[in-house]
Amino acid sequence: MMHSIFHQIYVSNLSAIVTAMLILPIVWSVFGALFYKRMRMIGAILSIVCVAVILYATVISRGESSLGHDFTPFSSFQRAIEQPEMYRSMLMNVFLFEPLGLMLPFVIKGSTVKRILLTIVIGFALSVAIEASQYFFALGMAEADDVICNTVGAALGACAYLLTLLWRKLMSKSKGRSKA
């Protein structure tokens, strides 16, 4: 069942995926602003769910194969010239990690910059661990570009935390005006 869901998402219209990637951070940031005091717990639970989904999609659900590796950064762009499906693959790698990037800043304590940077580092480290697992256990193609795209996804999600702070500021200003 889970494999079928991933397949349906993967074959979705690319414009629908891009739209979801743009709308998700906006919706999540409003939700985060409204429930900010509860977001540490919500973010922690959903971060665990995100990691489980990511591991299932990238490691657990894969059978052994011998697809190899490509550790040359940005080589997917070169291959995409001849195989346009590579663009979909890269976009889906970004999309896979965006939700984790949305959740983690609420879990991490510290300044806004620390929250965002640690989220990006955690996304990068998780991606490296996944690609290493794929390489050492022959679970598909281990690629440097997957790490890059996954990290970009985590970074995009993490930057939505700035939107949450903006929404909170706007909401507090409107509350201040309504009391006056």
Protein backbone atom coordinates (compact mmCIF):
# COMPACT_ATOMS: atom_id res chain seq x y z
CA MET A 1 0.00 0.00 0.00
CA MET A 2 2.72 2.47 1.03
CA HIS A 3 4.70 1.63 -2.10
CA SER A 4 1.60 2.38 -4.19
CA ILE A 5 1.20 5.79 -2.52
CA PHE A 6 4.83 6.66 -3.29
CA HIS A 7 4.36 5.54 -6.89
CA GLN A 8 1.24 7.71 -7.28
CA ILE A 9 3.11 10.74 -5.93
CA TYR A 10 6.12 10.04 -8.14
CA VAL A 11 4.06 9.85 -11.34
CA SER A 12 1.97 12.92 -10.46
CA ASN A 13 1.97 15.90 -12.76
CA LEU A 14 5.15 17.91 -12.10
CA SER A 15 3.22 21.17 -11.89
CA ALA A 16 1.12 19.63 -9.08
CA ILE A 17 4.30 18.67 -7.21
CA VAL A 18 5.80 22.14 -7.63
CA THR A 19 2.52 23.71 -6.50
CA ALA A 20 2.49 21.46 -3.42
CA MET A 21 6.12 22.39 -2.70
CA LEU A 22 5.14 26.08 -2.74
CA ILE A 23 1.84 25.79 -0.84
CA LEU A 24 3.02 23.38 1.86
CA PRO A 25 5.49 25.84 3.48
CA ILE A 26 2.89 28.62 3.46
CA VAL A 27 0.19 26.48 5.04
CA TRP A 28 2.61 24.95 7.54
CA SER A 29 3.97 28.37 8.55
CA VAL A 30 0.45 29.67 9.26
CA PHE A 31 -0.31 26.51 11.25
CA GLY A 32 2.99 26.95 13.09
CA ALA A 33 2.20 30.56 13.93
CA LEU A 34 -1.27 29.70 15.23
CA PHE A 35 -0.10 26.79 17.38
CA TYR A 36 3.45 27.95 18.08
CA LYS A 37 3.50 26.89 21.75
CA ARG A 38 2.52 23.33 20.82
CA MET A 39 4.75 23.06 17.77
CA ARG A 40 7.73 21.54 19.59
CA MET A 41 5.72 18.39 20.35
CA ILE A 42 3.88 18.37 17.01
CA GLY A 43 7.15 18.95 15.15
CA ALA A 44 8.92 16.18 17.07
CA ILE A 45 6.21 13.64 16.31
CA LEU A 46 5.97 14.64 12.66
CA SER A 47 9.78 14.69 12.30
CA ILE A 48 9.87 11.05 13.40
CA VAL A 49 7.13 10.26 10.89
CA CYS A 50 9.09 12.12 8.16
CA VAL A 51 12.28 10.19 8.90
CA ALA A 52 10.36 6.90 8.87
CA VAL A 53 8.76 7.74 5.51
CA ILE A 54 12.10 8.84 4.06
CA LEU A 55 13.84 5.65 5.25
CA TYR A 56 11.02 3.50 3.93
CA ALA A 57 11.08 5.19 0.52
CA THR A 58 14.85 5.20 0.12
CA VAL A 59 16.16 2.13 1.96
CA ILE A 60 13.62 -0.23 3.56
CA SER A 61 11.35 -0.78 0.55
CA ARG A 62 14.21 -1.43 -1.83
CA GLY A 63 15.42 -4.85 -2.76
CA GLU A 64 19.04 -5.63 -3.38
CA SER A 65 20.33 -4.52 -6.76
CA SER A 66 23.62 -3.53 -8.25
CA LEU A 67 22.87 -0.18 -9.80
CA GLY A 68 26.13 1.38 -8.66
CA HIS A 69 27.06 4.91 -7.79
CA ASP A 70 27.74 8.36 -9.17
CA PHE A 71 29.60 10.61 -6.78
CA THR A 72 30.15 13.43 -9.30
CA PRO A 73 28.19 16.48 -8.12
CA PHE A 74 25.61 17.81 -10.60
CA SER A 75 26.10 14.96 -13.07
CA SER A 76 22.32 14.40 -13.05
CA PHE A 77 21.90 17.69 -14.91
CA GLN A 78 24.17 16.38 -17.64
CA ARG A 79 22.27 13.08 -17.83
CA ALA A 80 18.95 14.95 -17.85
CA ILE A 81 19.81 16.43 -21.24
CA GLU A 82 19.44 12.95 -22.71
CA GLN A 83 17.03 11.57 -20.08
CA PRO A 84 14.53 14.30 -19.09
CA GLU A 85 13.07 11.95 -16.46
CA MET A 86 16.12 12.85 -14.35
CA TYR A 87 14.53 16.24 -13.68
CA ARG A 88 11.56 14.47 -12.09
CA SER A 89 13.90 12.35 -10.01
CA MET A 90 15.79 15.41 -8.76
CA LEU A 91 12.58 17.30 -7.99
CA MET A 92 11.19 14.33 -6.08
CA ASN A 93 14.38 14.16 -3.99
CA VAL A 94 13.87 17.81 -3.05
CA PHE A 95 10.18 17.15 -2.31
CA LEU A 96 10.96 14.12 -0.13
CA PHE A 97 13.02 16.16 2.35
CA GLU A 98 10.98 19.38 2.38
CA PRO A 99 8.55 18.16 5.10
CA LEU A 100 11.44 17.24 7.40
CA GLY A 101 12.81 20.74 6.88
CA LEU A 102 9.40 22.15 7.81
CA MET A 103 9.23 20.19 11.09
CA LEU A 104 12.73 20.30 12.56
CA PRO A 105 13.10 24.04 13.25
CA PHE A 106 10.26 23.76 15.76
CA VAL A 107 12.05 20.92 17.57
CA ILE A 108 15.53 22.44 17.75
CA LYS A 109 16.19 24.96 20.51
CA GLY A 110 18.14 28.14 19.93
CA SER A 111 18.20 31.14 17.67
CA THR A 112 16.42 31.19 14.33
CA VAL A 113 19.73 30.88 12.47
CA LYS A 114 20.75 27.89 14.63
CA ARG A 115 17.40 26.19 14.05
CA ILE A 116 17.63 26.61 10.28
CA LEU A 117 21.31 25.65 10.00
CA LEU A 118 20.94 22.55 12.19
CA THR A 119 17.90 21.47 10.18
CA ILE A 120 19.96 21.72 6.99
CA VAL A 121 22.87 19.82 8.58
CA ILE A 122 20.52 17.08 9.82
CA GLY A 123 18.93 16.81 6.36
CA PHE A 124 22.40 16.56 4.83
CA ALA A 125 23.58 13.94 7.37
CA LEU A 126 20.44 11.82 6.92
CA SER A 127 20.85 11.98 3.16
CA VAL A 128 24.53 10.96 3.34
CA ALA A 129 23.58 8.04 5.62
CA ILE A 130 20.91 6.94 3.15
CA GLU A 131 23.23 7.14 0.15
CA ALA A 132 25.94 5.26 2.08
CA SER A 133 23.40 2.55 2.93
CA GLN A 134 22.33 2.32 -0.69
CA TYR A 135 25.95 2.03 -1.75
CA PHE A 136 27.15 -0.49 0.84
CA PHE A 137 24.04 -2.69 0.70
CA ALA A 138 23.50 -2.41 -3.09
CA LEU A 139 20.05 -0.86 -2.67
CA GLY A 140 20.03 1.24 -5.80
CA MET A 141 22.03 4.07 -7.24
CA ALA A 142 23.98 6.05 -4.65
CA GLU A 143 24.42 9.58 -5.97
CA ALA A 144 25.97 12.82 -4.82
CA ASP A 145 23.13 14.65 -6.56
CA ASP A 146 20.60 12.91 -4.32
CA VAL A 147 22.42 14.34 -1.29
CA ILE A 148 22.40 17.80 -2.89
CA CYS A 149 18.69 17.64 -3.78
CA ASN A 150 17.70 16.22 -0.39
CA THR A 151 19.65 18.95 1.38
CA VAL A 152 18.00 21.60 -0.79
CA GLY A 153 14.61 20.16 0.19
CA ALA A 154 15.46 20.31 3.89
CA ALA A 155 16.74 23.88 3.43
CA LEU A 156 13.59 25.00 1.61
CA GLY A 157 11.46 23.56 4.36
CA ALA A 158 13.63 25.08 7.09
CA CYS A 159 13.40 28.55 5.56
CA ALA A 160 9.62 28.36 5.94
CA TYR A 161 10.28 28.81 9.65
CA LEU A 162 11.01 32.44 8.80
CA LEU A 163 7.46 32.68 7.43
CA THR A 164 6.16 31.32 10.74
CA LEU A 165 7.95 34.08 12.61
CA LEU A 166 6.57 36.66 10.19
CA TRP A 167 3.01 35.35 10.64
CA ARG A 168 3.45 35.45 14.44
CA LYS A 169 4.62 39.05 14.25
CA LEU A 170 1.69 40.04 12.04
CA MET A 171 -0.77 38.23 14.30
CA SER A 172 0.60 39.90 17.44
CA LYS A 173 0.36 43.33 15.78
CA SER A 174 -3.26 42.72 14.78
CA LYS A 175 -4.09 41.55 18.32
CA GLY A 176 -2.47 44.71 19.71
CA ARG A 177 -4.55 46.90 17.43
CA SER A 178 -7.79 45.12 18.25
CA LYS A 179 -7.22 45.69 22.00
CA ALA A 180 -6.67 49.41 21.51
